[in-house]
């Protein structure tokens, strides 16, 4: 029997990770956002963390389009992207600062931060079901997008899309690595990745549901030394940043669930208040101020 030493096994795993990453780049990853797998995994984990009332309301909205699930709608915003909505998927920061400034980074509300805020407000409102379902579709996707570091990167290289990489003589860009390459290098299906994310502890950071802060976190990852690799991508890069990717996916799922829980609770609270207000009340009897003195 041929025995493989621990050192050799580690080396083989290292090269296998690099090969999978390279193959994922050659397949042409979607340069718009997390690949389908990333969005689907985020939605699957978020679904497990919905409160019963939120899950019931999400299911009711999804029933408007029979067969849809939270996972299946997670890529809808990419599939229905238009010139008008394309800017909703990212925000650009200057290289000098990761502190979000709306006037500078999101003029006229044309960025992922403002889009999340707007769609969350619609879902939490008394808008009709069709509008709220559309808002749900956007929210599920855009919360995932803002946690992809390069969706809060730099304008001068279009979020890493212009940062070319050389992998086995085939050039790809850094954005593609973060969209799909690192995920594919894990060589796991959606269920396996979701299980790993569900097992990760929910950090207190997940309680921060401010979209601007989510974008700033992503920007600070991009600003780390070594985030932009050399032209030849190597397995050391995947070993360093795959844990970061898992943390961003887990955080996106936890925040998405919390955001949906809160929005639906707000919507149902408004429904309850409207119902109470609509109840017939006895007419008010005006009181003569002089009577109060008696």
C-alpha atoms as a PDB file:
ATOM      1  CA  UNK A   1       0.000   0.000   0.000  1.00  0.00           C
ATOM      2  CA  UNK A   2       1.240   3.470  -0.905  1.00  0.00           C
ATOM      3  CA  UNK A   3       1.028   5.797   2.099  1.00  0.00           C
ATOM      4  CA  UNK A   4       0.790   9.553   1.608  1.00  0.00           C
ATOM      5  CA  UNK A   5       2.540  11.609   4.241  1.00  0.00           C
ATOM      6  CA  UNK A   6       0.799  14.498   5.954  1.00  0.00           C
ATOM      7  CA  UNK A   7       3.089  16.992   4.256  1.00  0.00           C
ATOM      8  CA  UNK A   8       2.425  15.507   0.812  1.00  0.00           C
ATOM      9  CA  UNK A   9      -1.318  15.417   1.473  1.00  0.00           C
ATOM     10  CA  UNK A  10      -1.214  19.096   2.431  1.00  0.00           C
ATOM     11  CA  UNK A  11       0.732  19.936  -0.725  1.00  0.00           C
ATOM     12  CA  UNK A  12      -1.737  18.029  -2.914  1.00  0.00           C
ATOM     13  CA  UNK A  13      -4.662  19.826  -1.278  1.00  0.00           C
ATOM     14  CA  UNK A  14      -2.887  23.147  -1.876  1.00  0.00           C
ATOM     15  CA  UNK A  15      -2.478  22.427  -5.602  1.00  0.00           C
ATOM     16  CA  UNK A  16      -6.012  21.055  -5.880  1.00  0.00           C
ATOM     17  CA  UNK A  17      -7.383  24.296  -4.457  1.00  0.00           C
ATOM     18  CA  UNK A  18      -5.353  26.301  -6.949  1.00  0.00           C
ATOM     19  CA  UNK A  19      -6.464  24.096  -9.875  1.00  0.00           C
ATOM     20  CA  UNK A  20     -10.132  24.467  -8.947  1.00  0.00           C
ATOM     21  CA  UNK A  21      -9.726  28.215  -8.659  1.00  0.00           C
ATOM     22  CA  UNK A  22      -8.040  28.406 -12.049  1.00  0.00           C
ATOM     23  CA  UNK A  23     -10.730  26.274 -13.682  1.00  0.00           C
ATOM     24  CA  UNK A  24     -13.412  28.503 -12.238  1.00  0.00           C
ATOM     25  CA  UNK A  25     -11.760  31.501 -13.869  1.00  0.00           C
ATOM     26  CA  UNK A  26     -11.613  29.773 -17.240  1.00  0.00           C
ATOM     27  CA  UNK A  27     -15.363  29.080 -17.176  1.00  0.00           C
ATOM     28  CA  UNK A  28     -16.161  32.765 -17.307  1.00  0.00           C
ATOM     29  CA  UNK A  29     -17.664  33.852 -14.016  1.00  0.00           C
ATOM     30  CA  UNK A  30     -20.426  36.453 -13.963  1.00  0.00           C
ATOM     31  CA  UNK A  31     -18.784  39.826 -13.456  1.00  0.00           C
ATOM     32  CA  UNK A  32     -21.909  41.439 -12.039  1.00  0.00           C
ATOM     33  CA  UNK A  33     -22.211  40.114  -8.512  1.00  0.00           C
ATOM     34  CA  UNK A  34     -21.732  37.016  -6.394  1.00  0.00           C
ATOM     35  CA  UNK A  35     -22.230  34.134  -8.791  1.00  0.00           C
ATOM     36  CA  UNK A  36     -25.555  32.323  -8.586  1.00  0.00           C
ATOM     37  CA  UNK A  37     -24.135  29.966  -5.975  1.00  0.00           C
ATOM     38  CA  UNK A  38     -23.243  32.759  -3.574  1.00  0.00           C
ATOM     39  CA  UNK A  39     -26.668  34.367  -3.764  1.00  0.00           C
ATOM     40  CA  UNK A  40     -28.463  31.044  -3.454  1.00  0.00           C
ATOM     41  CA  UNK A  41     -26.476  30.040  -0.383  1.00  0.00           C
ATOM     42  CA  UNK A  42     -27.142  33.385   1.316  1.00  0.00           C
ATOM     43  CA  UNK A  43     -30.876  33.043   0.649  1.00  0.00           C
ATOM     44  CA  UNK A  44     -30.953  29.426   1.862  1.00  0.00           C
ATOM     45  CA  UNK A  45     -29.304  30.283   5.179  1.00  0.00           C
ATOM     46  CA  UNK A  46     -31.445  33.400   5.633  1.00  0.00           C
ATOM     47  CA  UNK A  47     -34.609  31.341   5.101  1.00  0.00           C
ATOM     48  CA  UNK A  48     -33.681  29.122   8.040  1.00  0.00           C
ATOM     49  CA  UNK A  49     -33.393  32.209  10.266  1.00  0.00           C
ATOM     50  CA  UNK A  50     -36.710  33.832   9.453  1.00  0.00           C
ATOM     51  CA  UNK A  51     -39.251  34.095  12.231  1.00  0.00           C
ATOM     52  CA  UNK A  52     -42.472  32.102  11.704  1.00  0.00           C
ATOM     53  CA  UNK A  53     -44.488  35.246  10.865  1.00  0.00           C
ATOM     54  CA  UNK A  54     -41.816  36.424   8.428  1.00  0.00           C
ATOM     55  CA  UNK A  55     -41.579  33.022   6.781  1.00  0.00           C
ATOM     56  CA  UNK A  56     -45.353  32.902   6.406  1.00  0.00           C
ATOM     57  CA  UNK A  57     -45.480  36.364   4.824  1.00  0.00           C
ATOM     58  CA  UNK A  58     -42.543  35.655   2.500  1.00  0.00           C
ATOM     59  CA  UNK A  59     -44.251  32.431   1.412  1.00  0.00           C
ATOM     60  CA  UNK A  60     -47.491  34.324   0.784  1.00  0.00           C
ATOM     61  CA  UNK A  61     -45.713  36.863  -1.426  1.00  0.00           C
ATOM     62  CA  UNK A  62     -43.776  34.180  -3.281  1.00  0.00           C
ATOM     63  CA  UNK A  63     -47.057  32.352  -3.983  1.00  0.00           C
ATOM     64  CA  UNK A  64     -47.912  35.189  -6.371  1.00  0.00           C
ATOM     65  CA  UNK A  65     -45.482  33.402  -8.692  1.00  0.00           C
ATOM     66  CA  UNK A  66     -46.084  29.688  -8.018  1.00  0.00           C
ATOM     67  CA  UNK A  67     -42.947  27.615  -7.643  1.00  0.00           C
ATOM     68  CA  UNK A  68     -40.718  30.452  -6.499  1.00  0.00           C
ATOM     69  CA  UNK A  69     -38.623  30.204  -3.347  1.00  0.00           C
ATOM     70  CA  UNK A  70     -36.345  32.610  -1.538  1.00  0.00           C
ATOM     71  CA  UNK A  71     -33.430  30.777  -3.165  1.00  0.00           C
ATOM     72  CA  UNK A  72     -34.868  30.891  -6.681  1.00  0.00           C
ATOM     73  CA  UNK A  73     -35.506  34.654  -6.563  1.00  0.00           C
ATOM     74  CA  UNK A  74     -32.021  35.409  -5.247  1.00  0.00           C
ATOM     75  CA  UNK A  75     -30.645  35.952  -8.780  1.00  0.00           C
ATOM     76  CA  UNK A  76     -33.717  37.700 -10.204  1.00  0.00           C
ATOM     77  CA  UNK A  77     -32.174  41.179  -9.917  1.00  0.00           C
ATOM     78  CA  UNK A  78     -29.246  40.147 -12.125  1.00  0.00           C
ATOM     79  CA  UNK A  79     -31.505  38.414 -14.621  1.00  0.00           C
ATOM     80  CA  UNK A  80     -33.648  41.565 -14.926  1.00  0.00           C
ATOM     81  CA  UNK A  81     -30.866  44.124 -14.804  1.00  0.00           C
ATOM     82  CA  UNK A  82     -31.330  47.254 -16.877  1.00  0.00           C
ATOM     83  CA  UNK A  83     -29.256  50.408 -17.429  1.00  0.00           C
ATOM     84  CA  UNK A  84     -31.410  52.137 -14.832  1.00  0.00           C
ATOM     85  CA  UNK A  85     -31.030  49.460 -12.153  1.00  0.00           C
ATOM     86  CA  UNK A  86     -27.453  48.391 -12.852  1.00  0.00           C
ATOM     87  CA  UNK A  87     -26.090  51.039 -10.487  1.00  0.00           C
ATOM     88  CA  UNK A  88     -28.150  49.572  -7.644  1.00  0.00           C
ATOM     89  CA  UNK A  89     -25.745  46.645  -7.351  1.00  0.00           C
ATOM     90  CA  UNK A  90     -22.620  48.469  -6.149  1.00  0.00           C
ATOM     91  CA  UNK A  91     -21.144  51.601  -4.650  1.00  0.00           C
ATOM     92  CA  UNK A  92     -17.806  53.176  -5.555  1.00  0.00           C
ATOM     93  CA  UNK A  93     -15.427  54.521  -2.939  1.00  0.00           C
ATOM     94  CA  UNK A  94     -12.364  56.692  -3.534  1.00  0.00           C
ATOM     95  CA  UNK A  95      -9.080  54.991  -2.732  1.00  0.00           C
ATOM     96  CA  UNK A  96      -8.465  57.569  -0.041  1.00  0.00           C
ATOM     97  CA  UNK A  97     -11.421  56.672   2.176  1.00  0.00           C
ATOM     98  CA  UNK A  98     -13.868  53.888   3.037  1.00  0.00           C
ATOM     99  CA  UNK A  99     -16.132  56.263   4.926  1.00  0.00           C
ATOM    100  CA  UNK A 100     -19.440  56.437   3.073  1.00  0.00           C
ATOM    101  CA  UNK A 101     -20.578  59.891   2.029  1.00  0.00           C
ATOM    102  CA  UNK A 102     -23.908  59.844   0.202  1.00  0.00           C
ATOM    103  CA  UNK A 103     -23.357  63.035  -1.801  1.00  0.00           C
ATOM    104  CA  UNK A 104     -20.017  61.755  -3.081  1.00  0.00           C
ATOM    105  CA  UNK A 105     -20.577  57.996  -3.293  1.00  0.00           C
ATOM    106  CA  UNK A 106     -24.288  57.745  -4.076  1.00  0.00           C
ATOM    107  CA  UNK A 107     -25.427  60.804  -6.057  1.00  0.00           C
ATOM    108  CA  UNK A 108     -29.185  60.861  -6.612  1.00  0.00           C
ATOM    109  CA  UNK A 109     -29.492  57.582  -4.704  1.00  0.00           C
ATOM    110  CA  UNK A 110     -27.820  55.617  -7.496  1.00  0.00           C
ATOM    111  CA  UNK A 111     -25.991  52.941  -5.533  1.00  0.00           C
ATOM    112  CA  UNK A 112     -26.550  49.739  -3.597  1.00  0.00           C
ATOM    113  CA  UNK A 113     -26.768  51.533  -0.239  1.00  0.00           C
ATOM    114  CA  UNK A 114     -29.719  53.688  -1.281  1.00  0.00           C
ATOM    115  CA  UNK A 115     -31.318  50.820  -3.211  1.00  0.00           C
ATOM    116  CA  UNK A 116     -31.367  48.566  -0.152  1.00  0.00           C
ATOM    117  CA  UNK A 117     -32.837  51.338   1.972  1.00  0.00           C
ATOM    118  CA  UNK A 118     -35.536  52.032  -0.617  1.00  0.00           C
ATOM    119  CA  UNK A 119     -36.516  48.410  -1.229  1.00  0.00           C
ATOM    120  CA  UNK A 120     -36.583  47.672   2.502  1.00  0.00           C
ATOM    121  CA  UNK A 121     -38.995  50.578   2.992  1.00  0.00           C
ATOM    122  CA  UNK A 122     -41.322  49.218   0.296  1.00  0.00           C
ATOM    123  CA  UNK A 123     -41.342  45.738   1.831  1.00  0.00           C
ATOM    124  CA  UNK A 124     -42.116  47.246   5.247  1.00  0.00           C
ATOM    125  CA  UNK A 125     -44.920  49.399   3.869  1.00  0.00           C
ATOM    126  CA  UNK A 126     -48.556  48.958   2.913  1.00  0.00           C
ATOM    127  CA  UNK A 127     -47.721  48.854  -0.802  1.00  0.00           C
ATOM    128  CA  UNK A 128     -49.586  46.290  -2.882  1.00  0.00           C
ATOM    129  CA  UNK A 129     -48.351  42.709  -2.953  1.00  0.00           C
ATOM    130  CA  UNK A 130     -46.813  42.960  -6.416  1.00  0.00           C
ATOM    131  CA  UNK A 131     -44.630  45.883  -5.340  1.00  0.00           C
ATOM    132  CA  UNK A 132     -43.640  44.181  -2.108  1.00  0.00           C
ATOM    133  CA  UNK A 133     -42.713  40.969  -3.924  1.00  0.00           C
ATOM    134  CA  UNK A 134     -40.502  42.953  -6.294  1.00  0.00           C
ATOM    135  CA  UNK A 135     -38.918  44.694  -3.309  1.00  0.00           C
ATOM    136  CA  UNK A 136     -38.302  41.295  -1.702  1.00  0.00           C
ATOM    137  CA  UNK A 137     -36.532  40.102  -4.856  1.00  0.00           C
ATOM    138  CA  UNK A 138     -34.280  43.134  -4.897  1.00  0.00           C
ATOM    139  CA  UNK A 139     -33.577  43.009  -1.177  1.00  0.00           C
ATOM    140  CA  UNK A 140     -32.557  39.338  -1.199  1.00  0.00           C
ATOM    141  CA  UNK A 141     -30.092  40.031  -3.991  1.00  0.00           C
ATOM    142  CA  UNK A 142     -28.728  43.444  -3.054  1.00  0.00           C
ATOM    143  CA  UNK A 143     -27.969  42.554   0.559  1.00  0.00           C
ATOM    144  CA  UNK A 144     -25.795  39.794  -0.886  1.00  0.00           C
ATOM    145  CA  UNK A 145     -24.148  42.194  -3.319  1.00  0.00           C
ATOM    146  CA  UNK A 146     -23.118  44.762  -0.723  1.00  0.00           C
ATOM    147  CA  UNK A 147     -21.250  42.033   1.199  1.00  0.00           C
ATOM    148  CA  UNK A 148     -19.146  41.131  -1.847  1.00  0.00           C
ATOM    149  CA  UNK A 149     -16.073  43.286  -1.182  1.00  0.00           C
ATOM    150  CA  UNK A 150     -15.603  44.423  -4.749  1.00  0.00           C
ATOM    151  CA  UNK A 151     -19.169  45.728  -4.909  1.00  0.00           C
ATOM    152  CA  UNK A 152     -17.875  48.458  -2.622  1.00  0.00           C
ATOM    153  CA  UNK A 153     -14.519  48.877  -4.281  1.00  0.00           C
ATOM    154  CA  UNK A 154     -12.875  51.532  -6.399  1.00  0.00           C
ATOM    155  CA  UNK A 155     -14.305  53.308  -9.389  1.00  0.00           C
ATOM    156  CA  UNK A 156     -10.979  53.575 -11.232  1.00  0.00           C
ATOM    157  CA  UNK A 157     -10.781  49.804 -11.772  1.00  0.00           C
ATOM    158  CA  UNK A 158     -14.551  49.209 -11.813  1.00  0.00           C
ATOM    159  CA  UNK A 159     -14.555  47.110  -8.671  1.00  0.00           C
ATOM    160  CA  UNK A 160     -11.694  44.883  -9.804  1.00  0.00           C
ATOM    161  CA  UNK A 161     -13.158  44.213 -13.248  1.00  0.00           C
ATOM    162  CA  UNK A 162     -10.175  45.953 -14.850  1.00  0.00           C
ATOM    163  CA  UNK A 163      -7.627  44.198 -12.650  1.00  0.00           C
ATOM    164  CA  UNK A 164      -6.539  41.421 -14.976  1.00  0.00           C
ATOM    165  CA  UNK A 165      -5.109  38.124 -13.781  1.00  0.00           C
ATOM    166  CA  UNK A 166      -3.111  35.476 -15.566  1.00  0.00           C
ATOM    167  CA  UNK A 167      -4.142  31.894 -14.876  1.00  0.00           C
ATOM    168  CA  UNK A 168      -2.636  29.238 -17.133  1.00  0.00           C
ATOM    169  CA  UNK A 169      -2.151  31.848 -19.848  1.00  0.00           C
ATOM    170  CA  UNK A 170      -5.844  32.821 -19.703  1.00  0.00           C
ATOM    171  CA  UNK A 171      -6.562  36.299 -18.379  1.00  0.00           C
ATOM    172  CA  UNK A 172      -9.453  36.953 -16.024  1.00  0.00           C
ATOM    173  CA  UNK A 173     -10.154  39.692 -13.516  1.00  0.00           C
ATOM    174  CA  UNK A 174     -10.209  39.971  -9.749  1.00  0.00           C
ATOM    175  CA  UNK A 175     -13.931  40.652  -9.647  1.00  0.00           C
ATOM    176  CA  UNK A 176     -14.558  37.233 -11.193  1.00  0.00           C
ATOM    177  CA  UNK A 177     -12.398  35.610  -8.499  1.00  0.00           C
ATOM    178  CA  UNK A 178     -14.587  37.060  -5.759  1.00  0.00           C
ATOM    179  CA  UNK A 179     -17.854  36.466  -7.597  1.00  0.00           C
ATOM    180  CA  UNK A 180     -17.340  32.770  -8.177  1.00  0.00           C
ATOM    181  CA  UNK A 181     -13.701  31.680  -8.183  1.00  0.00           C
ATOM    182  CA  UNK A 182     -13.127  31.406  -4.444  1.00  0.00           C
ATOM    183  CA  UNK A 183     -16.485  29.689  -3.948  1.00  0.00           C
ATOM    184  CA  UNK A 184     -15.765  27.127  -6.634  1.00  0.00           C
ATOM    185  CA  UNK A 185     -12.330  26.482  -5.189  1.00  0.00           C
ATOM    186  CA  UNK A 186     -14.129  25.164  -2.094  1.00  0.00           C
ATOM    187  CA  UNK A 187     -15.513  22.367  -4.320  1.00  0.00           C
ATOM    188  CA  UNK A 188     -18.741  22.084  -2.305  1.00  0.00           C
ATOM    189  CA  UNK A 189     -22.377  22.115  -3.362  1.00  0.00           C
ATOM    190  CA  UNK A 190     -24.871  24.652  -2.061  1.00  0.00           C
ATOM    191  CA  UNK A 191     -26.148  22.461   0.771  1.00  0.00           C
ATOM    192  CA  UNK A 192     -22.656  21.774   2.057  1.00  0.00           C
ATOM    193  CA  UNK A 193     -21.680  25.449   2.006  1.00  0.00           C
ATOM    194  CA  UNK A 194     -24.970  26.443   3.641  1.00  0.00           C
ATOM    195  CA  UNK A 195     -24.409  23.890   6.406  1.00  0.00           C
ATOM    196  CA  UNK A 196     -20.981  25.339   7.119  1.00  0.00           C
ATOM    197  CA  UNK A 197     -22.351  28.868   7.222  1.00  0.00           C
ATOM    198  CA  UNK A 198     -25.196  27.849   9.539  1.00  0.00           C
ATOM    199  CA  UNK A 199     -22.656  26.343  11.919  1.00  0.00           C
ATOM    200  CA  UNK A 200     -20.724  29.594  12.148  1.00  0.00           C
ATOM    201  CA  UNK A 201     -21.560  31.725  15.208  1.00  0.00           C
ATOM    202  CA  UNK A 202     -23.648  34.804  14.511  1.00  0.00           C
ATOM    203  CA  UNK A 203     -21.445  37.731  15.460  1.00  0.00           C
ATOM    204  CA  UNK A 204     -22.794  40.876  17.103  1.00  0.00           C
ATOM    205  CA  UNK A 205     -21.856  42.689  13.903  1.00  0.00           C
ATOM    206  CA  UNK A 206     -24.911  41.052  12.321  1.00  0.00           C
ATOM    207  CA  UNK A 207     -27.129  43.333  14.398  1.00  0.00           C
ATOM    208  CA  UNK A 208     -25.912  46.346  12.417  1.00  0.00           C
ATOM    209  CA  UNK A 209     -28.444  46.621   9.601  1.00  0.00           C
ATOM    210  CA  UNK A 210     -27.258  49.952   8.228  1.00  0.00           C
ATOM    211  CA  UNK A 211     -26.443  49.411   4.511  1.00  0.00           C
ATOM    212  CA  UNK A 212     -23.767  52.120   4.550  1.00  0.00           C
ATOM    213  CA  UNK A 213     -21.866  50.244   7.255  1.00  0.00           C
ATOM    214  CA  UNK A 214     -22.072  47.016   5.237  1.00  0.00           C
ATOM    215  CA  UNK A 215     -20.531  48.812   2.272  1.00  0.00           C
ATOM    216  CA  UNK A 216     -17.791  50.342   4.419  1.00  0.00           C
ATOM    217  CA  UNK A 217     -16.875  46.866   5.738  1.00  0.00           C
ATOM    218  CA  UNK A 218     -16.530  45.583   2.183  1.00  0.00           C
ATOM    219  CA  UNK A 219     -14.414  48.575   1.192  1.00  0.00           C
ATOM    220  CA  UNK A 220     -12.047  48.001   4.112  1.00  0.00           C
ATOM    221  CA  UNK A 221     -11.485  44.410   2.985  1.00  0.00           C
ATOM    222  CA  UNK A 222     -10.562  45.668  -0.487  1.00  0.00           C
ATOM    223  CA  UNK A 223      -8.183  48.185   1.119  1.00  0.00           C
ATOM    224  CA  UNK A 224      -6.233  45.461   2.958  1.00  0.00           C
ATOM    225  CA  UNK A 225      -2.646  44.899   1.920  1.00  0.00           C
ATOM    226  CA  UNK A 226      -2.507  41.871  -0.354  1.00  0.00           C
ATOM    227  CA  UNK A 227      -6.138  41.981  -1.480  1.00  0.00           C
ATOM    228  CA  UNK A 228      -4.924  42.825  -4.967  1.00  0.00           C
ATOM    229  CA  UNK A 229      -2.676  39.864  -5.859  1.00  0.00           C
ATOM    230  CA  UNK A 230       0.129  39.624  -8.347  1.00  0.00           C
ATOM    231  CA  UNK A 231      -0.762  38.853 -11.936  1.00  0.00           C
ATOM    232  CA  UNK A 232      -0.324  35.132 -11.248  1.00  0.00           C
ATOM    233  CA  UNK A 233      -3.002  34.080  -8.784  1.00  0.00           C
ATOM    234  CA  UNK A 234      -1.795  31.430  -6.367  1.00  0.00           C
ATOM    235  CA  UNK A 235      -3.308  29.102  -3.787  1.00  0.00           C
ATOM    236  CA  UNK A 236      -1.924  31.200  -0.944  1.00  0.00           C
ATOM    237  CA  UNK A 237      -4.372  33.912  -1.967  1.00  0.00           C
ATOM    238  CA  UNK A 238      -7.274  31.453  -1.831  1.00  0.00           C
ATOM    239  CA  UNK A 239      -6.108  30.141   1.548  1.00  0.00           C
ATOM    240  CA  UNK A 240      -5.982  33.650   2.967  1.00  0.00           C
ATOM    241  CA  UNK A 241      -9.226  35.033   1.576  1.00  0.00           C
ATOM    242  CA  UNK A 242     -11.585  32.038   1.427  1.00  0.00           C
ATOM    243  CA  UNK A 243     -12.259  32.386   5.194  1.00  0.00           C
ATOM    244  CA  UNK A 244     -13.011  36.071   4.578  1.00  0.00           C
ATOM    245  CA  UNK A 245     -15.447  35.087   1.858  1.00  0.00           C
ATOM    246  CA  UNK A 246     -17.192  32.620   4.194  1.00  0.00           C
ATOM    247  CA  UNK A 247     -17.505  35.334   6.838  1.00  0.00           C
ATOM    248  CA  UNK A 248     -19.066  37.733   4.331  1.00  0.00           C
ATOM    249  CA  UNK A 249     -21.548  35.110   3.136  1.00  0.00           C
ATOM    250  CA  UNK A 250     -22.529  34.217   6.708  1.00  0.00           C
ATOM    251  CA  UNK A 251     -22.890  37.867   7.674  1.00  0.00           C
ATOM    252  CA  UNK A 252     -24.978  38.597   4.579  1.00  0.00           C
ATOM    253  CA  UNK A 253     -27.333  35.720   5.406  1.00  0.00           C
ATOM    254  CA  UNK A 254     -27.738  36.758   9.050  1.00  0.00           C
ATOM    255  CA  UNK A 255     -28.376  40.378   8.138  1.00  0.00           C
ATOM    256  CA  UNK A 256     -30.768  39.489   5.334  1.00  0.00           C
ATOM    257  CA  UNK A 257     -32.835  37.386   7.726  1.00  0.00           C
ATOM    258  CA  UNK A 258     -32.834  40.140  10.342  1.00  0.00           C
ATOM    259  CA  UNK A 259     -33.800  42.732   7.752  1.00  0.00           C
ATOM    260  CA  UNK A 260     -36.680  40.637   6.415  1.00  0.00           C
ATOM    261  CA  UNK A 261     -37.883  39.836   9.936  1.00  0.00           C
ATOM    262  CA  UNK A 262     -37.885  43.532  10.852  1.00  0.00           C
ATOM    263  CA  UNK A 263     -39.479  44.772   7.625  1.00  0.00           C
ATOM    264  CA  UNK A 264     -42.294  42.253   7.763  1.00  0.00           C
ATOM    265  CA  UNK A 265     -42.900  42.872  11.452  1.00  0.00           C
ATOM    266  CA  UNK A 266     -43.155  46.591  10.679  1.00  0.00           C
ATOM    267  CA  UNK A 267     -45.541  45.942   7.807  1.00  0.00           C
ATOM    268  CA  UNK A 268     -47.770  43.751   9.939  1.00  0.00           C
ATOM    269  CA  UNK A 269     -47.643  46.264  12.759  1.00  0.00           C
ATOM    270  CA  UNK A 270     -48.890  48.935  10.393  1.00  0.00           C
ATOM    271  CA  UNK A 271     -51.620  46.567   9.226  1.00  0.00           C
ATOM    272  CA  UNK A 272     -52.702  46.049  12.825  1.00  0.00           C
ATOM    273  CA  UNK A 273     -52.727  49.779  13.488  1.00  0.00           C
ATOM    274  CA  UNK A 274     -54.746  50.382  10.319  1.00  0.00           C
ATOM    275  CA  UNK A 275     -57.233  47.707  11.333  1.00  0.00           C
ATOM    276  CA  UNK A 276     -57.642  49.243  14.781  1.00  0.00           C
ATOM    277  CA  UNK A 277     -58.086  52.699  13.290  1.00  0.00           C
ATOM    278  CA  UNK A 278     -60.777  51.399  10.932  1.00  0.00           C
ATOM    279  CA  UNK A 279     -62.936  50.057  13.762  1.00  0.00           C
ATOM    280  CA  UNK A 280     -66.199  51.934  14.282  1.00  0.00           C
ATOM    281  CA  UNK A 281     -65.930  54.269  17.223  1.00  0.00           C
ATOM    282  CA  UNK A 282     -68.723  56.060  19.065  1.00  0.00           C
ATOM    283  CA  UNK A 283     -68.948  59.729  18.144  1.00  0.00           C
ATOM    284  CA  UNK A 284     -66.992  62.032  20.359  1.00  0.00           C
ATOM    285  CA  UNK A 285     -69.101  64.330  22.514  1.00  0.00           C
ATOM    286  CA  UNK A 286     -67.715  67.847  22.609  1.00  0.00           C
ATOM    287  CA  UNK A 287     -67.093  69.096  26.093  1.00  0.00           C
ATOM    288  CA  UNK A 288     -67.987  72.622  27.117  1.00  0.00           C
ATOM    289  CA  UNK A 289     -64.896  74.112  28.793  1.00  0.00           C
ATOM    290  CA  UNK A 290     -67.149  75.606  31.423  1.00  0.00           C
ATOM    291  CA  UNK A 291     -68.398  72.140  32.362  1.00  0.00           C
ATOM    292  CA  UNK A 292     -64.838  71.097  33.311  1.00  0.00           C
ATOM    293  CA  UNK A 293     -64.865  73.707  36.064  1.00  0.00           C
ATOM    294  CA  UNK A 294     -67.954  72.320  37.734  1.00  0.00           C
END
